[in-house]
Amino acid sequence: MAIIINLDVMMAKRKMSLNELSEKVDITLSNLSILKTGKAKAIRFSTLEAICKALDCQPGDILEFDSKS
């Protein structure tokens, strides 16, 4: 996949657990885990916005495009 998800990196930088982020964003642990592992096929802008607010970051901090793939 050409889109790389760096959610785990941002969570580590903010010292936030999956459970804590799940509660702040109001998304199930399983859905957040799917996103974190890069297995998600899509993400709603509202979910991305909530994650960025919770982690105090920009979408580009979480999503990365790999042109080599």
Protein backbone atom coordinates (compact mmCIF):
# COMPACT_ATOMS: atom_id res chain seq x y z
CA MET A 1 0.00 0.00 0.00
CA ALA A 2 1.34 3.44 -0.90
CA ILE A 3 -0.16 5.11 2.18
CA ILE A 4 1.73 4.49 5.41
CA ILE A 5 -0.04 4.96 8.75
CA ASN A 6 2.23 6.39 11.46
CA LEU A 7 -0.40 6.38 14.20
CA ASP A 8 1.74 4.24 16.50
CA VAL A 9 4.63 6.73 16.15
CA MET A 10 2.45 9.69 17.12
CA MET A 11 0.89 7.75 20.00
CA ALA A 12 4.37 6.94 21.32
CA LYS A 13 5.47 10.57 20.99
CA ARG A 14 2.43 11.67 22.98
CA LYS A 15 2.75 8.74 25.42
CA MET A 16 -0.86 7.76 24.76
CA SER A 17 -2.16 4.20 24.86
CA LEU A 18 -4.56 2.66 22.39
CA ASN A 19 -7.23 2.52 25.11
CA GLU A 20 -6.81 6.21 25.97
CA LEU A 21 -6.95 7.30 22.33
CA SER A 22 -9.97 5.06 21.76
CA GLU A 23 -11.84 6.81 24.58
CA LYS A 24 -10.84 10.33 23.48
CA VAL A 25 -11.79 9.72 19.84
CA ASP A 26 -14.85 7.58 20.62
CA ILE A 27 -13.85 4.79 18.28
CA THR A 28 -13.75 1.09 19.11
CA LEU A 29 -10.44 -0.52 20.01
CA SER A 30 -10.77 -2.95 17.12
CA ASN A 31 -11.32 -0.20 14.55
CA LEU A 32 -8.46 1.85 15.97
CA SER A 33 -6.23 -1.22 15.91
CA ILE A 34 -7.10 -1.85 12.25
CA LEU A 35 -6.15 1.73 11.45
CA LYS A 36 -2.94 1.55 13.52
CA THR A 37 -1.74 -1.60 11.77
CA GLY A 38 -2.37 -0.11 8.33
CA LYS A 39 -5.10 -2.60 7.43
CA ALA A 40 -7.83 0.05 7.07
CA LYS A 41 -9.05 0.74 3.55
CA ALA A 42 -10.48 4.18 4.39
CA ILE A 43 -10.79 6.74 7.16
CA ARG A 44 -13.50 9.34 7.67
CA PHE A 45 -12.33 12.93 7.83
CA SER A 46 -14.25 13.31 11.09
CA THR A 47 -12.28 10.41 12.57
CA LEU A 48 -8.98 11.80 11.28
CA GLU A 49 -9.87 15.20 12.74
CA ALA A 50 -10.70 13.67 16.13
CA ILE A 51 -7.42 11.71 16.16
CA CYS A 52 -5.45 14.84 15.24
CA LYS A 53 -7.16 16.81 18.02
CA ALA A 54 -6.50 14.07 20.58
CA LEU A 55 -2.84 13.74 19.57
CA ASP A 56 -2.34 17.46 18.88
CA CYS A 57 -0.88 16.80 15.44
CA GLN A 58 -1.49 17.32 11.73
CA PRO A 59 -2.89 14.68 9.31
CA GLY A 60 0.55 14.53 7.66
CA ASP A 61 2.00 13.39 10.97
CA ILE A 62 -0.21 10.29 10.78
CA LEU A 63 -0.49 9.64 7.04
CA GLU A 64 2.49 9.34 4.72
CA PHE A 65 2.65 8.63 0.98
CA ASP A 66 5.32 6.19 -0.19
CA SER A 67 5.93 6.84 -3.88
CA LYS A 68 8.10 3.71 -4.17
CA SER A 69 5.16 1.35 -3.63
